[in-house]
Amino acid sequence: MKIKPLKFIASSLDDLRNFPDEARRAVGFELYAIQSGLEPSDWKPMQIVGAGVKEIRIRILGEWRIIYVAKHREAVYVLHAFQKKTRKTSRQDIDLARQRYKQIGG
């Protein structure tokens, strides 16, 4: 089984590094599953960002989100990592993810 490399776009890796340790560890397991061709345990499609974009939901010491796209053969792209503070994903977070999606040629 081939593991796809992870590519973090813009500040997404630094943002992820700011998650609490337990949440960051959970994200690592989820991203490894995606790299291995599996689905994360808790996710939803994010068509509003772009085709094939999904959001991983982590509920440890708060609400944390990773927006990524795995449809490209060469890599899994992590577009955005953030803490979710309201029920609805903010327009700012969606716009940022959409902008980064365009950077990779979505």
PDB file of N, CA and C in Angstrom:
ATOM      1  N   MET A   1       0.850  -1.191   0.000  1.00  0.00           N
ATOM      2  CA  MET A   1       0.000   0.000   0.000  1.00  0.00           C
ATOM      3  C   MET A   1       0.890   1.247   0.000  1.00  0.00           C
ATOM      4  N   LYS A   2       0.576   2.158  -0.897  1.00  0.00           N
ATOM      5  CA  LYS A   2       1.367   3.377  -1.019  1.00  0.00           C
ATOM      6  C   LYS A   2       0.782   4.475  -0.140  1.00  0.00           C
ATOM      7  N   ILE A   3       1.652   5.104   0.635  1.00  0.00           N
ATOM      8  CA  ILE A   3       1.240   6.224   1.488  1.00  0.00           C
ATOM      9  C   ILE A   3       1.477   7.517   0.711  1.00  0.00           C
ATOM     10  N   LYS A   4       0.415   8.322   0.546  1.00  0.00           N
ATOM     11  CA  LYS A   4       0.558   9.608  -0.135  1.00  0.00           C
ATOM     12  C   LYS A   4       1.243  10.597   0.800  1.00  0.00           C
ATOM     13  N   PRO A   5       2.130  11.422   0.274  1.00  0.00           N
ATOM     14  CA  PRO A   5       2.728  12.452   1.133  1.00  0.00           C
ATOM     15  C   PRO A   5       1.701  13.517   1.507  1.00  0.00           C
ATOM     16  N   LEU A   6       1.943  14.178   2.629  1.00  0.00           N
ATOM     17  CA  LEU A   6       1.123  15.315   3.051  1.00  0.00           C
ATOM     18  C   LEU A   6       1.787  16.587   2.561  1.00  0.00           C
ATOM     19  N   LYS A   7       0.992  17.516   2.062  1.00  0.00           N
ATOM     20  CA  LYS A   7       1.507  18.833   1.706  1.00  0.00           C
ATOM     21  C   LYS A   7       0.634  19.864   2.411  1.00  0.00           C
ATOM     22  N   PHE A   8       1.279  20.656   3.241  1.00  0.00           N
ATOM     23  CA  PHE A   8       0.570  21.691   3.984  1.00  0.00           C
ATOM     24  C   PHE A   8       0.661  22.995   3.205  1.00  0.00           C
ATOM     25  N   ILE A   9      -0.484  23.622   2.973  1.00  0.00           N
ATOM     26  CA  ILE A   9      -0.537  24.843   2.183  1.00  0.00           C
ATOM     27  C   ILE A   9      -0.512  26.054   3.123  1.00  0.00           C
ATOM     28  N   ALA A  10       0.326  27.027   2.761  1.00  0.00           N
ATOM     29  CA  ALA A  10       0.461  28.290   3.504  1.00  0.00           C
ATOM     30  C   ALA A  10       0.718  28.019   4.991  1.00  0.00           C
ATOM     31  N   SER A  11      -0.087  28.599   5.875  1.00  0.00           N
ATOM     32  CA  SER A  11       0.166  28.506   7.324  1.00  0.00           C
ATOM     33  C   SER A  11      -0.479  27.286   7.975  1.00  0.00           C
ATOM     34  N   SER A  12      -1.036  26.357   7.187  1.00  0.00           N
ATOM     35  CA  SER A  12      -1.812  25.257   7.787  1.00  0.00           C
ATOM     36  C   SER A  12      -0.997  24.392   8.754  1.00  0.00           C
ATOM     37  N   LEU A  13       0.285  24.163   8.480  1.00  0.00           N
ATOM     38  CA  LEU A  13       1.095  23.359   9.400  1.00  0.00           C
ATOM     39  C   LEU A  13       1.343  24.118  10.702  1.00  0.00           C
ATOM     40  N   ASP A  14       1.676  25.402  10.599  1.00  0.00           N
ATOM     41  CA  ASP A  14       1.873  26.206  11.812  1.00  0.00           C
ATOM     42  C   ASP A  14       0.588  26.275  12.625  1.00  0.00           C
ATOM     43  N   ASP A  15      -0.539  26.423  11.928  1.00  0.00           N
ATOM     44  CA  ASP A  15      -1.831  26.475  12.625  1.00  0.00           C
ATOM     45  C   ASP A  15      -2.096  25.161  13.350  1.00  0.00           C
ATOM     46  N   LEU A  16      -1.799  24.050  12.703  1.00  0.00           N
ATOM     47  CA  LEU A  16      -1.993  22.735  13.317  1.00  0.00           C
ATOM     48  C   LEU A  16      -1.090  22.572  14.543  1.00  0.00           C
ATOM     49  N   ARG A  17       0.109  23.080  14.462  1.00  0.00           N
ATOM     50  CA  ARG A  17       1.046  22.979  15.593  1.00  0.00           C
ATOM     51  C   ARG A  17       0.541  23.724  16.828  1.00  0.00           C
ATOM     52  N   ASN A  18      -0.388  24.653  16.632  1.00  0.00           N
ATOM     53  CA  ASN A  18      -0.963  25.395  17.756  1.00  0.00           C
ATOM     54  C   ASN A  18      -2.132  24.677  18.423  1.00  0.00           C
ATOM     55  N   PHE A  19      -2.571  23.546  17.877  1.00  0.00           N
ATOM     56  CA  PHE A  19      -3.634  22.757  18.509  1.00  0.00           C
ATOM     57  C   PHE A  19      -3.079  22.177  19.817  1.00  0.00           C
ATOM     58  N   PRO A  20      -3.951  21.881  20.792  1.00  0.00           N
ATOM     59  CA  PRO A  20      -3.483  21.175  21.995  1.00  0.00           C
ATOM     60  C   PRO A  20      -2.903  19.807  21.607  1.00  0.00           C
ATOM     61  N   ASP A  21      -1.965  19.287  22.399  1.00  0.00           N
ATOM     62  CA  ASP A  21      -1.283  18.029  22.076  1.00  0.00           C
ATOM     63  C   ASP A  21      -2.237  16.896  21.728  1.00  0.00           C
ATOM     64  N   GLU A  22      -3.272  16.697  22.551  1.00  0.00           N
ATOM     65  CA  GLU A  22      -4.190  15.567  22.320  1.00  0.00           C
ATOM     66  C   GLU A  22      -4.943  15.717  21.001  1.00  0.00           C
ATOM     67  N   ALA A  23      -5.354  16.941  20.695  1.00  0.00           N
ATOM     68  CA  ALA A  23      -6.067  17.192  19.434  1.00  0.00           C
ATOM     69  C   ALA A  23      -5.104  16.994  18.256  1.00  0.00           C
ATOM     70  N   ARG A  24      -3.871  17.452  18.410  1.00  0.00           N
ATOM     71  CA  ARG A  24      -2.870  17.299  17.347  1.00  0.00           C
ATOM     72  C   ARG A  24      -2.579  15.820  17.087  1.00  0.00           C
ATOM     73  N   ARG A  25      -2.506  15.040  18.157  1.00  0.00           N
ATOM     74  CA  ARG A  25      -2.270  13.596  18.018  1.00  0.00           C
ATOM     75  C   ARG A  25      -3.429  12.948  17.255  1.00  0.00           C
ATOM     76  N   ALA A  26      -4.662  13.323  17.589  1.00  0.00           N
ATOM     77  CA  ALA A  26      -5.843  12.781  16.900  1.00  0.00           C
ATOM     78  C   ALA A  26      -5.806  13.148  15.408  1.00  0.00           C
ATOM     79  N   VAL A  27      -5.415  14.386  15.107  1.00  0.00           N
ATOM     80  CA  VAL A  27      -5.302  14.814  13.706  1.00  0.00           C
ATOM     81  C   VAL A  27      -4.272  13.951  12.977  1.00  0.00           C
ATOM     82  N   GLY A  28      -3.170  13.653  13.644  1.00  0.00           N
ATOM     83  CA  GLY A  28      -2.133  12.818  13.037  1.00  0.00           C
ATOM     84  C   GLY A  28      -2.661  11.451  12.632  1.00  0.00           C
ATOM     85  N   PHE A  29      -3.445  10.817  13.514  1.00  0.00           N
ATOM     86  CA  PHE A  29      -4.031   9.510  13.183  1.00  0.00           C
ATOM     87  C   PHE A  29      -4.979   9.629  11.993  1.00  0.00           C
ATOM     88  N   GLU A  30      -5.796  10.690  11.987  1.00  0.00           N
ATOM     89  CA  GLU A  30      -6.753  10.882  10.893  1.00  0.00           C
ATOM     90  C   GLU A  30      -6.024  11.117   9.568  1.00  0.00           C
ATOM     91  N   LEU A  31      -4.997  11.964   9.589  1.00  0.00           N
ATOM     92  CA  LEU A  31      -4.261  12.254   8.354  1.00  0.00           C
ATOM     93  C   LEU A  31      -3.541  11.009   7.847  1.00  0.00           C
ATOM     94  N   TYR A  32      -3.020  10.201   8.751  1.00  0.00           N
ATOM     95  CA  TYR A  32      -2.359   8.969   8.326  1.00  0.00           C
ATOM     96  C   TYR A  32      -3.358   8.031   7.640  1.00  0.00           C
ATOM     97  N   ALA A  33      -4.572   7.945   8.184  1.00  0.00           N
ATOM     98  CA  ALA A  33      -5.614   7.121   7.554  1.00  0.00           C
ATOM     99  C   ALA A  33      -5.884   7.617   6.130  1.00  0.00           C
ATOM    100  N   ILE A  34      -5.992   8.933   5.972  1.00  0.00           N
ATOM    101  CA  ILE A  34      -6.254   9.518   4.649  1.00  0.00           C
ATOM    102  C   ILE A  34      -5.084   9.237   3.701  1.00  0.00           C
ATOM    103  N   GLN A  35      -3.861   9.387   4.191  1.00  0.00           N
ATOM    104  CA  GLN A  35      -2.681   9.098   3.370  1.00  0.00           C
ATOM    105  C   GLN A  35      -2.682   7.645   2.912  1.00  0.00           C
ATOM    106  N   SER A  36      -3.272   6.772   3.725  1.00  0.00           N
ATOM    107  CA  SER A  36      -3.327   5.340   3.426  1.00  0.00           C
ATOM    108  C   SER A  36      -4.511   4.971   2.546  1.00  0.00           C
ATOM    109  N   GLY A  37      -5.329   5.966   2.163  1.00  0.00           N
ATOM    110  CA  GLY A  37      -6.464   5.712   1.288  1.00  0.00           C
ATOM    111  C   GLY A  37      -7.760   5.427   2.019  1.00  0.00           C
ATOM    112  N   LEU A  38      -7.779   5.622   3.334  1.00  0.00           N
ATOM    113  CA  LEU A  38      -8.995   5.388   4.130  1.00  0.00           C
ATOM    114  C   LEU A  38      -9.717   6.703   4.383  1.00  0.00           C
ATOM    115  N   GLU A  39     -10.920   6.598   4.938  1.00  0.00           N
ATOM    116  CA  GLU A  39     -11.664   7.792   5.325  1.00  0.00           C
ATOM    117  C   GLU A  39     -11.350   8.131   6.775  1.00  0.00           C
ATOM    118  N   PRO A  40     -11.365   9.412   7.124  1.00  0.00           N
ATOM    119  CA  PRO A  40     -11.219   9.765   8.540  1.00  0.00           C
ATOM    120  C   PRO A  40     -12.458   9.316   9.317  1.00  0.00           C
ATOM    121  N   SER A  41     -12.353   9.245  10.628  1.00  0.00           N
ATOM    122  CA  SER A  41     -13.469   8.712  11.420  1.00  0.00           C
ATOM    123  C   SER A  41     -14.648   9.679  11.517  1.00  0.00           C
ATOM    124  N   ASP A  42     -14.406  10.981  11.491  1.00  0.00           N
ATOM    125  CA  ASP A  42     -15.491  11.964  11.587  1.00  0.00           C
ATOM    126  C   ASP A  42     -15.190  13.094  10.610  1.00  0.00           C
ATOM    127  N   TRP A  43     -15.973  13.158   9.542  1.00  0.00           N
ATOM    128  CA  TRP A  43     -15.714  14.148   8.507  1.00  0.00           C
ATOM    129  C   TRP A  43     -16.997  14.538   7.815  1.00  0.00           C
ATOM    130  N   LYS A  44     -16.915  15.616   7.046  1.00  0.00           N
ATOM    131  CA  LYS A  44     -18.040  15.996   6.182  1.00  0.00           C
ATOM    132  C   LYS A  44     -17.481  16.609   4.907  1.00  0.00           C
ATOM    133  N   PRO A  45     -18.215  16.476   3.809  1.00  0.00           N
ATOM    134  CA  PRO A  45     -17.758  17.088   2.554  1.00  0.00           C
ATOM    135  C   PRO A  45     -17.850  18.613   2.654  1.00  0.00           C
ATOM    136  N   MET A  46     -16.929  19.289   1.989  1.00  0.00           N
ATOM    137  CA  MET A  46     -16.917  20.760   1.979  1.00  0.00           C
ATOM    138  C   MET A  46     -16.959  21.244   0.529  1.00  0.00           C
ATOM    139  N   GLN A  47     -18.040  20.875  -0.182  1.00  0.00           N
ATOM    140  CA  GLN A  47     -18.203  21.251  -1.589  1.00  0.00           C
ATOM    141  C   GLN A  47     -18.130  22.768  -1.767  1.00  0.00           C
ATOM    142  N   ILE A  48     -18.512  23.516  -0.723  1.00  0.00           N
ATOM    143  CA  ILE A  48     -18.486  24.981  -0.798  1.00  0.00           C
ATOM    144  C   ILE A  48     -17.069  25.493  -1.044  1.00  0.00           C
ATOM    145  N   VAL A  49     -16.065  24.713  -0.624  1.00  0.00           N
ATOM    146  CA  VAL A  49     -14.661  25.087  -0.842  1.00  0.00           C
ATOM    147  C   VAL A  49     -14.216  24.648  -2.227  1.00  0.00           C
ATOM    148  N   GLY A  50     -14.567  23.404  -2.602  1.00  0.00           N
ATOM    149  CA  GLY A  50     -14.185  22.902  -3.920  1.00  0.00           C
ATOM    150  C   GLY A  50     -14.462  21.415  -4.031  1.00  0.00           C
ATOM    151  N   ALA A  51     -14.388  20.899  -5.241  1.00  0.00           N
ATOM    152  CA  ALA A  51     -14.661  19.486  -5.497  1.00  0.00           C
ATOM    153  C   ALA A  51     -13.652  18.604  -4.765  1.00  0.00           C
ATOM    154  N   GLY A  52     -14.151  17.614  -4.037  1.00  0.00           N
ATOM    155  CA  GLY A  52     -13.286  16.663  -3.352  1.00  0.00           C
ATOM    156  C   GLY A  52     -12.752  17.140  -2.010  1.00  0.00           C
ATOM    157  N   VAL A  53     -13.125  18.347  -1.595  1.00  0.00           N
ATOM    158  CA  VAL A  53     -12.633  18.885  -0.324  1.00  0.00           C
ATOM    159  C   VAL A  53     -13.475  18.331   0.826  1.00  0.00           C
ATOM    160  N   LYS A  54     -12.782  17.933   1.908  1.00  0.00           N
ATOM    161  CA  LYS A  54     -13.447  17.394   3.102  1.00  0.00           C
ATOM    162  C   LYS A  54     -12.908  18.075   4.340  1.00  0.00           C
ATOM    163  N   GLU A  55     -13.695  17.976   5.397  1.00  0.00           N
ATOM    164  CA  GLU A  55     -13.318  18.559   6.681  1.00  0.00           C
ATOM    165  C   GLU A  55     -13.287  17.454   7.733  1.00  0.00           C
ATOM    166  N   ILE A  56     -12.158  17.322   8.416  1.00  0.00           N
ATOM    167  CA  ILE A  56     -12.053  16.390   9.549  1.00  0.00           C
ATOM    168  C   ILE A  56     -12.522  17.141  10.788  1.00  0.00           C
ATOM    169  N   ARG A  57     -13.337  16.467  11.592  1.00  0.00           N
ATOM    170  CA  ARG A  57     -13.830  17.072  12.831  1.00  0.00           C
ATOM    171  C   ARG A  57     -13.165  16.389  14.022  1.00  0.00           C
ATOM    172  N   ILE A  58     -12.493  17.164  14.844  1.00  0.00           N
ATOM    173  CA  ILE A  58     -11.845  16.671  16.055  1.00  0.00           C
ATOM    174  C   ILE A  58     -12.521  17.356  17.235  1.00  0.00           C
ATOM    175  N   ARG A  59     -12.990  16.555  18.180  1.00  0.00           N
ATOM    176  CA  ARG A  59     -13.666  17.110  19.356  1.00  0.00           C
ATOM    177  C   ARG A  59     -12.899  16.702  20.617  1.00  0.00           C
ATOM    178  N   ILE A  60     -11.759  17.335  20.831  1.00  0.00           N
ATOM    179  CA  ILE A  60     -10.919  17.090  22.009  1.00  0.00           C
ATOM    180  C   ILE A  60     -10.474  18.454  22.518  1.00  0.00           C
ATOM    181  N   LEU A  61     -10.850  18.783  23.754  1.00  0.00           N
ATOM    182  CA  LEU A  61     -10.492  20.092  24.325  1.00  0.00           C
ATOM    183  C   LEU A  61     -10.942  21.230  23.414  1.00  0.00           C
ATOM    184  N   GLY A  62     -12.138  21.106  22.886  1.00  0.00           N
ATOM    185  CA  GLY A  62     -12.669  22.111  21.964  1.00  0.00           C
ATOM    186  C   GLY A  62     -13.014  21.471  20.628  1.00  0.00           C
ATOM    187  N   GLU A  63     -13.349  22.305  19.690  1.00  0.00           N
ATOM    188  CA  GLU A  63     -13.698  21.859  18.336  1.00  0.00           C
ATOM    189  C   GLU A  63     -12.584  22.299  17.395  1.00  0.00           C
ATOM    190  N   TRP A  64     -11.997  21.338  16.702  1.00  0.00           N
ATOM    191  CA  TRP A  64     -10.874  21.601  15.793  1.00  0.00           C
ATOM    192  C   TRP A  64     -11.212  21.055  14.416  1.00  0.00           C
ATOM    193  N   ARG A  65     -10.757  21.733  13.385  1.00  0.00           N
ATOM    194  CA  ARG A  65     -11.076  21.322  12.025  1.00  0.00           C
ATOM    195  C   ARG A  65      -9.833  21.341  11.140  1.00  0.00           C
ATOM    196  N   ILE A  66      -9.791  20.363  10.248  1.00  0.00           N
ATOM    197  CA  ILE A  66      -8.757  20.293   9.220  1.00  0.00           C
ATOM    198  C   ILE A  66      -9.496  20.202   7.883  1.00  0.00           C
ATOM    199  N   ILE A  67      -9.272  21.152   7.012  1.00  0.00           N
ATOM    200  CA  ILE A  67      -9.864  21.098   5.677  1.00  0.00           C
ATOM    201  C   ILE A  67      -8.772  20.619   4.723  1.00  0.00           C
ATOM    202  N   TYR A  68      -9.098  19.554   3.983  1.00  0.00           N
ATOM    203  CA  TYR A  68      -8.080  18.933   3.132  1.00  0.00           C
ATOM    204  C   TYR A  68      -8.709  18.435   1.835  1.00  0.00           C
ATOM    205  N   VAL A  69      -7.834  18.101   0.896  1.00  0.00           N
ATOM    206  CA  VAL A  69      -8.283  17.460  -0.344  1.00  0.00           C
ATOM    207  C   VAL A  69      -7.312  16.321  -0.645  1.00  0.00           C
ATOM    208  N   ALA A  70      -7.867  15.142  -0.937  1.00  0.00           N
ATOM    209  CA  ALA A  70      -7.045  13.951  -1.183  1.00  0.00           C
ATOM    210  C   ALA A  70      -7.248  13.388  -2.582  1.00  0.00           C
ATOM    211  N   LYS A  71      -7.966  14.107  -3.445  1.00  0.00           N
ATOM    212  CA  LYS A  71      -8.292  13.558  -4.769  1.00  0.00           C
ATOM    213  C   LYS A  71      -7.104  13.556  -5.735  1.00  0.00           C
ATOM    214  N   HIS A  72      -6.072  14.323  -5.426  1.00  0.00           N
ATOM    215  CA  HIS A  72      -4.902  14.379  -6.310  1.00  0.00           C
ATOM    216  C   HIS A  72      -4.017  13.163  -6.069  1.00  0.00           C
ATOM    217  N   ARG A  73      -3.477  12.625  -7.129  1.00  0.00           N
ATOM    218  CA  ARG A  73      -2.660  11.418  -7.040  1.00  0.00           C
ATOM    219  C   ARG A  73      -1.368  11.649  -6.263  1.00  0.00           C
ATOM    220  N   GLU A  74      -0.802  12.858  -6.398  1.00  0.00           N
ATOM    221  CA  GLU A  74       0.541  13.093  -5.867  1.00  0.00           C
ATOM    222  C   GLU A  74       0.601  13.356  -4.356  1.00  0.00           C
ATOM    223  N   ALA A  75      -0.492  13.826  -3.751  1.00  0.00           N
ATOM    224  CA  ALA A  75      -0.405  14.179  -2.326  1.00  0.00           C
ATOM    225  C   ALA A  75      -1.786  14.415  -1.728  1.00  0.00           C
ATOM    226  N   VAL A  76      -1.806  14.433  -0.397  1.00  0.00           N
ATOM    227  CA  VAL A  76      -2.962  14.909   0.370  1.00  0.00           C
ATOM    228  C   VAL A  76      -2.619  16.349   0.750  1.00  0.00           C
ATOM    229  N   TYR A  77      -3.448  17.281   0.334  1.00  0.00           N
ATOM    230  CA  TYR A  77      -3.200  18.695   0.616  1.00  0.00           C
ATOM    231  C   TYR A  77      -4.028  19.148   1.812  1.00  0.00           C
ATOM    232  N   VAL A  78      -3.341  19.662   2.833  1.00  0.00           N
ATOM    233  CA  VAL A  78      -4.017  20.241   3.993  1.00  0.00           C
ATOM    234  C   VAL A  78      -4.151  21.731   3.708  1.00  0.00           C
ATOM    235  N   LEU A  79      -5.398  22.165   3.517  1.00  0.00           N
ATOM    236  CA  LEU A  79      -5.652  23.544   3.112  1.00  0.00           C
ATOM    237  C   LEU A  79      -5.747  24.493   4.304  1.00  0.00           C
ATOM    238  N   HIS A  80      -6.318  24.000   5.418  1.00  0.00           N
ATOM    239  CA  HIS A  80      -6.579  24.900   6.539  1.00  0.00           C
ATOM    240  C   HIS A  80      -6.758  24.079   7.809  1.00  0.00           C
ATOM    241  N   ALA A  81      -6.232  24.593   8.914  1.00  0.00           N
ATOM    242  CA  ALA A  81      -6.389  23.981  10.234  1.00  0.00           C
ATOM    243  C   ALA A  81      -6.792  25.094  11.192  1.00  0.00           C
ATOM    244  N   PHE A  82      -7.896  24.883  11.933  1.00  0.00           N
ATOM    245  CA  PHE A  82      -8.384  25.967  12.780  1.00  0.00           C
ATOM    246  C   PHE A  82      -9.254  25.445  13.909  1.00  0.00           C
ATOM    247  N   GLN A  83      -9.443  26.308  14.911  1.00  0.00           N
ATOM    248  CA  GLN A  83     -10.380  25.999  15.988  1.00  0.00           C
ATOM    249  C   GLN A  83     -11.726  26.574  15.588  1.00  0.00           C
ATOM    250  N   LYS A  84     -12.750  25.752  15.725  1.00  0.00           N
ATOM    251  CA  LYS A  84     -14.105  26.185  15.387  1.00  0.00           C
ATOM    252  C   LYS A  84     -14.767  26.675  16.662  1.00  0.00           C
ATOM    253  N   LYS A  85     -15.252  27.910  16.626  1.00  0.00           N
ATOM    254  CA  LYS A  85     -15.803  28.514  17.838  1.00  0.00           C
ATOM    255  C   LYS A  85     -17.312  28.713  17.781  1.00  0.00           C
ATOM    256  N   THR A  86     -17.888  28.521  16.591  1.00  0.00           N
ATOM    257  CA  THR A  86     -19.339  28.668  16.445  1.00  0.00           C
ATOM    258  C   THR A  86     -19.886  27.433  15.737  1.00  0.00           C
ATOM    259  N   ARG A  87     -21.210  27.293  15.724  1.00  0.00           N
ATOM    260  CA  ARG A  87     -21.815  26.126  15.073  1.00  0.00           C
ATOM    261  C   ARG A  87     -21.517  26.084  13.583  1.00  0.00           C
ATOM    262  N   LYS A  88     -21.542  27.236  12.963  1.00  0.00           N
ATOM    263  CA  LYS A  88     -21.337  27.318  11.515  1.00  0.00           C
ATOM    264  C   LYS A  88     -19.883  27.701  11.227  1.00  0.00           C
ATOM    265  N   THR A  89     -19.281  27.045  10.242  1.00  0.00           N
ATOM    266  CA  THR A  89     -17.913  27.400   9.849  1.00  0.00           C
ATOM    267  C   THR A  89     -17.925  28.832   9.314  1.00  0.00           C
ATOM    268  N   SER A  90     -17.012  29.660   9.807  1.00  0.00           N
ATOM    269  CA  SER A  90     -17.026  31.078   9.442  1.00  0.00           C
ATOM    270  C   SER A  90     -16.711  31.280   7.963  1.00  0.00           C
ATOM    271  N   ARG A  91     -17.259  32.331   7.421  1.00  0.00           N
ATOM    272  CA  ARG A  91     -17.026  32.710   6.025  1.00  0.00           C
ATOM    273  C   ARG A  91     -15.526  32.912   5.798  1.00  0.00           C
ATOM    274  N   GLN A  92     -14.842  33.490   6.781  1.00  0.00           N
ATOM    275  CA  GLN A  92     -13.405  33.744   6.677  1.00  0.00           C
ATOM    276  C   GLN A  92     -12.632  32.429   6.503  1.00  0.00           C
ATOM    277  N   ASP A  93     -12.990  31.400   7.292  1.00  0.00           N
ATOM    278  CA  ASP A  93     -12.317  30.103   7.184  1.00  0.00           C
ATOM    279  C   ASP A  93     -12.608  29.447   5.831  1.00  0.00           C
ATOM    280  N   ILE A  94     -13.827  29.545   5.366  1.00  0.00           N
ATOM    281  CA  ILE A  94     -14.197  28.960   4.069  1.00  0.00           C
ATOM    282  C   ILE A  94     -13.467  29.675   2.937  1.00  0.00           C
ATOM    283  N   ASP A  95     -13.445  31.009   2.997  1.00  0.00           N
ATOM    284  CA  ASP A  95     -12.765  31.788   1.943  1.00  0.00           C
ATOM    285  C   ASP A  95     -11.271  31.481   1.902  1.00  0.00           C
ATOM    286  N   LEU A  96     -10.655  31.340   3.079  1.00  0.00           N
ATOM    287  CA  LEU A  96      -9.228  31.031   3.146  1.00  0.00           C
ATOM    288  C   LEU A  96      -8.949  29.653   2.535  1.00  0.00           C
ATOM    289  N   ALA A  97      -9.759  28.669   2.888  1.00  0.00           N
ATOM    290  CA  ALA A  97      -9.596  27.322   2.340  1.00  0.00           C
ATOM    291  C   ALA A  97      -9.806  27.335   0.822  1.00  0.00           C
ATOM    292  N   ARG A  98     -10.792  28.089   0.363  1.00  0.00           N
ATOM    293  CA  ARG A  98     -11.088  28.168  -1.079  1.00  0.00           C
ATOM    294  C   ARG A  98      -9.919  28.803  -1.839  1.00  0.00           C
ATOM    295  N   GLN A  99      -9.350  29.838  -1.265  1.00  0.00           N
ATOM    296  CA  GLN A  99      -8.195  30.515  -1.873  1.00  0.00           C
ATOM    297  C   GLN A  99      -7.008  29.542  -1.979  1.00  0.00           C
ATOM    298  N   ARG A 100      -6.769  28.765  -0.933  1.00  0.00           N
ATOM    299  CA  ARG A 100      -5.662  27.797  -0.939  1.00  0.00           C
ATOM    300  C   ARG A 100      -5.942  26.646  -1.896  1.00  0.00           C
ATOM    301  N   TYR A 101      -7.210  26.268  -2.021  1.00  0.00           N
ATOM    302  CA  TYR A 101      -7.609  25.233  -2.973  1.00  0.00           C
ATOM    303  C   TYR A 101      -7.247  25.672  -4.396  1.00  0.00           C
ATOM    304  N   LYS A 102      -7.495  26.940  -4.695  1.00  0.00           N
ATOM    305  CA  LYS A 102      -7.165  27.471  -6.018  1.00  0.00           C
ATOM    306  C   LYS A 102      -5.663  27.473  -6.248  1.00  0.00           C
ATOM    307  N   GLN A 103      -4.883  27.709  -5.181  1.00  0.00           N
ATOM    308  CA  GLN A 103      -3.414  27.722  -5.304  1.00  0.00           C
ATOM    309  C   GLN A 103      -2.863  26.376  -5.779  1.00  0.00           C
ATOM    310  N   ILE A 104      -3.503  25.277  -5.361  1.00  0.00           N
ATOM    311  CA  ILE A 104      -3.009  23.963  -5.771  1.00  0.00           C
ATOM    312  C   ILE A 104      -3.627  23.509  -7.092  1.00  0.00           C
ATOM    313  N   GLY A 105      -4.420  24.373  -7.693  1.00  0.00           N
ATOM    314  CA  GLY A 105      -5.023  24.051  -8.979  1.00  0.00           C
ATOM    315  C   GLY A 105      -6.249  23.176  -8.850  1.00  0.00           C
ATOM    316  N   GLY A 106      -6.953  23.310  -7.691  1.00  0.00           N
ATOM    317  CA  GLY A 106      -8.186  22.596  -7.354  1.00  0.00           C
ATOM    318  C   GLY A 106      -8.810  21.914  -8.463  1.00  0.00           C
TER     319      GLY A 106
END
